[in-house]
């Protein structure tokens, strides 16, 4: 199941390696996931294809009198813009299956428009528990917003899709997971899936592996005293949190003090802004 595949990076218990980018890249290439489910139903020359894919509904926007424009993230096609016609009618064949946070199995028609048309939708997981708890709903919405802003390509990214599915499943089934530390762990893993993970194992500027007490987004990660111009102080606790957040399963997220989490949040946010040109709202306590 996609929701059971997680993004983590193995590292030595002593943490001397601090998750070098080479190790992260090597691991990312080994991500395993379930077989591709896309199957083209019409392949005739000149006929717009109809295809089937699984996706998470990130956002839904009212359009016209009865339609909705959907922002989807799919395993096989990355970001998809779609329109669901008549979905807001009382007797719509879609029912409530195209609401945000739903994981669905779709059949869509790809015409000349930039938006594909949803012709069929079946629920894979409604994540119903999220709507019963405010904290869980807020964290899940933040996760979807992060995916929406960071991953705008139509290229498939199975690691990112599986990570999102796991995050929604975790928040749905474990109310205690709706914490600041877990939300930051998700964002850091999402950075890894998108190819923007910061260097945590050595000075991002010179390669020094000792005295890594500062963080520089422009340099690409932690830095030593000799390279700390333009950086901010990163306590050992915050550094350790970042390392463990990448090194553990998402469900086994680390915890830290508010001060350390604040520094980790800043490191993640500045990395996003500098390298991905994406600004996300900071993760509140």
Protein backbone atom coordinates (compact mmCIF):
# COMPACT_ATOMS: atom_id res chain seq x y z
CA UNK A 1 0.00 0.00 0.00
CA UNK A 2 1.35 3.47 -0.83
CA UNK A 3 0.55 4.77 2.62
CA UNK A 4 2.84 2.15 4.14
CA UNK A 5 5.94 3.26 2.25
CA UNK A 6 7.95 5.84 4.13
CA UNK A 7 10.81 8.18 3.41
CA UNK A 8 13.71 7.67 5.76
CA UNK A 9 17.46 7.70 5.52
CA UNK A 10 19.46 5.08 7.38
CA UNK A 11 22.39 6.39 9.40
CA UNK A 12 24.88 5.11 12.02
CA UNK A 13 23.75 5.16 15.62
CA UNK A 14 26.59 7.47 16.57
CA UNK A 15 25.40 9.94 13.92
CA UNK A 16 28.96 10.72 12.74
CA UNK A 17 27.87 10.57 9.13
CA UNK A 18 25.01 13.02 9.77
CA UNK A 19 23.14 11.91 6.67
CA UNK A 20 25.38 13.18 3.85
CA UNK A 21 23.57 14.06 0.66
CA UNK A 22 25.23 11.20 -1.21
CA UNK A 23 23.68 8.69 1.19
CA UNK A 24 20.32 10.40 0.90
CA UNK A 25 20.42 10.37 -2.88
CA UNK A 26 21.43 6.71 -2.92
CA UNK A 27 18.56 5.81 -0.63
CA UNK A 28 16.03 7.83 -2.58
CA UNK A 29 16.87 5.78 -5.66
CA UNK A 30 15.94 2.63 -3.76
CA UNK A 31 12.41 3.70 -2.82
CA UNK A 32 10.10 0.79 -3.54
CA UNK A 33 6.38 1.18 -4.08
CA UNK A 34 3.47 -0.77 -5.46
CA UNK A 35 3.31 -1.50 -9.21
CA UNK A 36 2.21 1.27 -11.53
CA UNK A 37 -1.55 1.29 -11.82
CA UNK A 38 -1.96 3.64 -14.76
CA UNK A 39 -3.55 1.95 -17.71
CA UNK A 40 -4.57 3.78 -20.84
CA UNK A 41 -8.05 2.74 -21.88
CA UNK A 42 -7.96 4.37 -25.31
CA UNK A 43 -4.83 4.57 -27.42
CA UNK A 44 -6.20 5.29 -30.88
CA UNK A 45 -4.28 7.88 -32.84
CA UNK A 46 -5.98 11.27 -32.63
CA UNK A 47 -8.25 10.26 -29.75
CA UNK A 48 -7.56 12.04 -26.43
CA UNK A 49 -6.50 9.38 -23.93
CA UNK A 50 -8.52 8.28 -20.97
CA UNK A 51 -6.43 6.98 -18.13
CA UNK A 52 -6.80 5.63 -14.64
CA UNK A 53 -4.72 6.79 -11.70
CA UNK A 54 -4.78 7.02 -7.93
CA UNK A 55 -4.53 10.48 -6.39
CA UNK A 56 -5.01 12.61 -3.29
CA UNK A 57 -7.29 15.64 -3.53
CA UNK A 58 -5.18 18.58 -2.36
CA UNK A 59 -7.66 21.38 -2.99
CA UNK A 60 -11.13 21.88 -4.42
CA UNK A 61 -12.41 25.17 -5.89
CA UNK A 62 -15.98 26.00 -6.92
CA UNK A 63 -16.36 26.61 -10.63
CA UNK A 64 -19.51 27.69 -12.41
CA UNK A 65 -22.90 26.61 -11.11
CA UNK A 66 -22.20 22.97 -10.36
CA UNK A 67 -18.57 22.11 -11.10
CA UNK A 68 -15.33 22.04 -9.15
CA UNK A 69 -11.73 22.49 -10.19
CA UNK A 70 -9.49 20.03 -8.38
CA UNK A 71 -5.81 20.13 -7.54
CA UNK A 72 -4.68 16.50 -7.38
CA UNK A 73 -1.41 14.80 -6.60
CA UNK A 74 -1.10 11.41 -8.25
CA UNK A 75 1.41 8.63 -7.98
CA UNK A 76 1.88 8.18 -11.71
CA UNK A 77 1.47 11.71 -13.08
CA UNK A 78 2.49 14.04 -10.29
CA UNK A 79 0.38 17.21 -10.12
CA UNK A 80 -2.87 17.09 -12.06
CA UNK A 81 -5.38 19.87 -12.61
CA UNK A 82 -8.87 18.46 -13.13
CA UNK A 83 -12.48 19.48 -13.44
CA UNK A 84 -15.34 17.47 -11.96
CA UNK A 85 -18.51 18.43 -13.80
CA UNK A 86 -21.76 18.48 -11.89
CA UNK A 87 -20.07 17.44 -8.67
CA UNK A 88 -21.95 20.04 -6.61
CA UNK A 89 -25.37 18.82 -7.68
CA UNK A 90 -27.36 16.95 -5.03
CA UNK A 91 -27.59 13.82 -7.17
CA UNK A 92 -24.02 13.93 -8.50
CA UNK A 93 -22.58 10.52 -9.31
CA UNK A 94 -19.42 11.51 -7.46
CA UNK A 95 -21.13 11.94 -4.11
CA UNK A 96 -18.64 13.36 -1.61
CA UNK A 97 -15.69 11.42 -2.97
CA UNK A 98 -13.81 14.41 -4.40
CA UNK A 99 -13.42 16.43 -1.23
CA UNK A 100 -9.97 17.58 -0.06
CA UNK A 101 -7.89 14.93 1.75
CA UNK A 102 -9.68 12.04 0.02
CA UNK A 103 -7.49 9.41 -1.59
CA UNK A 104 -9.30 8.22 -4.69
CA UNK A 105 -9.02 5.94 -7.70
CA UNK A 106 -9.89 8.03 -10.76
CA UNK A 107 -10.65 7.63 -14.42
CA UNK A 108 -10.03 10.90 -16.23
CA UNK A 109 -10.32 12.10 -19.81
CA UNK A 110 -7.48 14.18 -21.22
CA UNK A 111 -8.63 16.59 -23.90
CA UNK A 112 -7.21 19.81 -25.29
CA UNK A 113 -7.80 21.78 -22.11
CA UNK A 114 -5.11 22.06 -19.45
CA UNK A 115 -7.61 20.46 -17.09
CA UNK A 116 -8.42 16.78 -17.39
CA UNK A 117 -12.05 15.77 -16.82
CA UNK A 118 -12.90 13.33 -14.06
CA UNK A 119 -15.30 10.69 -15.38
CA UNK A 120 -15.21 8.22 -12.48
CA UNK A 121 -14.07 8.30 -8.86
CA UNK A 122 -13.88 5.55 -6.25
CA UNK A 123 -12.78 6.09 -2.67
CA UNK A 124 -9.56 4.42 -1.56
CA UNK A 125 -9.39 6.15 1.83
CA UNK A 126 -11.60 9.07 2.95
CA UNK A 127 -9.47 9.78 6.04
CA UNK A 128 -12.72 10.38 7.89
CA UNK A 129 -11.03 10.71 11.27
CA UNK A 130 -9.29 13.90 10.18
CA UNK A 131 -12.57 15.78 10.04
CA UNK A 132 -13.42 14.84 13.61
CA UNK A 133 -10.37 16.48 15.18
CA UNK A 134 -9.35 20.06 14.58
CA UNK A 135 -5.63 19.54 15.21
CA UNK A 136 -5.44 16.55 12.87
CA UNK A 137 -7.39 18.38 10.17
CA UNK A 138 -5.12 21.42 10.39
CA UNK A 139 -1.92 19.34 10.14
CA UNK A 140 -3.31 17.34 7.21
CA UNK A 141 -4.32 20.52 5.41
CA UNK A 142 -0.83 21.94 5.95
CA UNK A 143 0.70 18.77 4.50
CA UNK A 144 -1.46 19.01 1.38
CA UNK A 145 -0.65 22.70 1.01
CA UNK A 146 3.08 21.95 1.22
CA UNK A 147 2.76 19.36 -1.55
CA UNK A 148 0.66 21.74 -3.63
CA UNK A 149 3.23 24.54 -3.41
CA UNK A 150 6.43 22.51 -3.62
CA UNK A 151 5.58 19.85 -6.20
CA UNK A 152 4.10 21.52 -9.26
CA UNK A 153 5.54 19.18 -11.88
CA UNK A 154 3.54 16.62 -13.83
CA UNK A 155 6.50 14.27 -13.57
CA UNK A 156 5.74 11.33 -11.26
CA UNK A 157 7.37 11.31 -7.84
CA UNK A 158 6.32 8.04 -6.17
CA UNK A 159 8.37 8.81 -3.05
CA UNK A 160 6.51 12.08 -2.48
CA UNK A 161 3.12 10.50 -3.19
CA UNK A 162 3.76 7.62 -0.80
CA UNK A 163 4.98 10.06 1.85
CA UNK A 164 1.80 12.14 1.56
CA UNK A 165 -0.38 9.03 1.79
CA UNK A 166 1.52 7.90 4.88
CA UNK A 167 1.18 11.33 6.50
CA UNK A 168 -2.59 11.47 5.98
CA UNK A 169 -3.00 7.90 7.17
CA UNK A 170 -0.92 8.59 10.28
CA UNK A 171 -2.87 11.72 11.20
CA UNK A 172 -6.15 9.94 10.51
CA UNK A 173 -5.41 6.97 12.74
CA UNK A 174 -3.26 8.50 15.48
CA UNK A 175 -4.64 11.73 17.00
CA UNK A 176 -1.50 12.13 19.12
CA UNK A 177 0.56 12.52 15.93
CA UNK A 178 -0.86 15.98 15.22
CA UNK A 179 2.13 17.76 16.74
CA UNK A 180 4.60 20.40 15.64
CA UNK A 181 7.52 17.97 15.68
CA UNK A 182 5.69 15.48 13.45
CA UNK A 183 4.68 18.21 10.99
CA UNK A 184 8.30 19.36 10.75
CA UNK A 185 9.49 15.78 10.22
CA UNK A 186 7.05 15.51 7.30
CA UNK A 187 8.26 18.76 5.73
CA UNK A 188 11.88 17.69 6.00
CA UNK A 189 11.14 14.35 4.33
CA UNK A 190 9.18 16.18 1.65
CA UNK A 191 12.27 18.32 0.99
CA UNK A 192 14.22 15.09 0.52
CA UNK A 193 11.63 13.70 -1.89
CA UNK A 194 11.73 16.94 -3.88
CA UNK A 195 15.52 16.95 -4.05
CA UNK A 196 16.13 19.89 -1.72
CA UNK A 197 17.24 18.16 1.49
CA UNK A 198 19.84 20.18 3.41
CA UNK A 199 23.34 18.83 4.10
CA UNK A 200 23.42 17.66 7.71
CA UNK A 201 26.51 15.45 7.85
CA UNK A 202 29.26 17.96 7.15
CA UNK A 203 29.79 21.67 6.58
CA UNK A 204 27.91 22.47 3.41
CA UNK A 205 30.68 24.88 2.37
CA UNK A 206 33.98 23.15 3.19
CA UNK A 207 33.13 19.60 4.26
CA UNK A 208 34.30 19.93 7.87
CA UNK A 209 32.54 17.36 10.08
CA UNK A 210 33.09 18.89 13.52
CA UNK A 211 31.61 21.90 15.33
CA UNK A 212 28.57 22.22 13.08
CA UNK A 213 26.73 24.81 15.13
CA UNK A 214 25.08 26.97 12.49
CA UNK A 215 22.79 26.64 9.48
CA UNK A 216 22.98 28.47 6.15
CA UNK A 217 20.28 27.97 3.54
CA UNK A 218 22.41 29.66 0.89
CA UNK A 219 25.27 27.24 1.59
CA UNK A 220 22.87 24.31 1.59
CA UNK A 221 22.88 23.08 5.19
CA UNK A 222 24.88 23.07 8.40
CA UNK A 223 28.14 25.03 8.47
CA UNK A 224 31.26 25.21 10.64
CA UNK A 225 32.56 28.35 12.42
CA UNK A 226 34.82 29.20 9.49
CA UNK A 227 31.94 29.26 7.03
CA UNK A 228 29.12 30.68 9.12
CA UNK A 229 28.78 34.10 7.48
CA UNK A 230 25.10 34.72 6.80
CA UNK A 231 24.02 31.76 8.93
CA UNK A 232 22.03 31.44 12.15
CA UNK A 233 22.87 29.45 15.27
CA UNK A 234 21.67 25.85 15.28
CA UNK A 235 21.79 24.17 18.68
CA UNK A 236 22.92 20.55 18.94
CA UNK A 237 19.37 19.58 19.93
CA UNK A 238 17.94 21.15 16.77
CA UNK A 239 20.65 19.53 14.63
CA UNK A 240 19.92 16.17 16.24
CA UNK A 241 16.19 16.63 15.60
CA UNK A 242 16.79 17.23 11.89
CA UNK A 243 19.05 14.17 11.66
CA UNK A 244 16.61 11.90 13.46
CA UNK A 245 13.62 13.25 11.53
CA UNK A 246 15.26 12.00 8.34
CA UNK A 247 16.60 8.81 9.90
CA UNK A 248 13.38 7.51 11.43
CA UNK A 249 10.07 6.30 10.08
CA UNK A 250 7.49 9.07 9.86
CA UNK A 251 5.42 7.42 12.59
CA UNK A 252 8.47 7.37 14.88
CA UNK A 253 9.08 11.10 14.70
CA UNK A 254 11.49 12.65 17.23
CA UNK A 255 10.56 15.33 19.73
CA UNK A 256 12.49 18.35 20.96
CA UNK A 257 12.14 21.55 22.97
CA UNK A 258 10.26 24.52 21.57
CA UNK A 259 13.55 26.34 21.03
CA UNK A 260 15.02 23.46 19.01
CA UNK A 261 11.84 23.02 16.99
CA UNK A 262 11.83 26.73 16.23
CA UNK A 263 15.37 26.50 14.86
CA UNK A 264 14.50 23.39 12.84
CA UNK A 265 11.43 25.14 11.46
CA UNK A 266 13.58 28.09 10.39
CA UNK A 267 16.13 25.80 8.73
CA UNK A 268 13.41 24.04 6.74
CA UNK A 269 11.61 27.27 5.83
CA UNK A 270 14.77 29.06 4.66
CA UNK A 271 15.83 26.02 2.62
CA UNK A 272 12.44 26.04 0.90
CA UNK A 273 12.62 29.76 0.18
CA UNK A 274 16.21 29.80 -1.05
CA UNK A 275 16.30 26.64 -3.17
CA UNK A 276 12.67 25.96 -4.14
CA UNK A 277 11.45 29.58 -4.06
CA UNK A 278 8.49 28.44 -1.98
CA UNK A 279 7.28 30.19 1.15
CA UNK A 280 5.18 28.17 3.56
CA UNK A 281 3.53 29.33 6.73
CA UNK A 282 5.65 28.37 9.73
CA UNK A 283 4.54 25.35 11.72
CA UNK A 284 2.80 26.58 14.87
CA UNK A 285 3.21 24.87 18.22
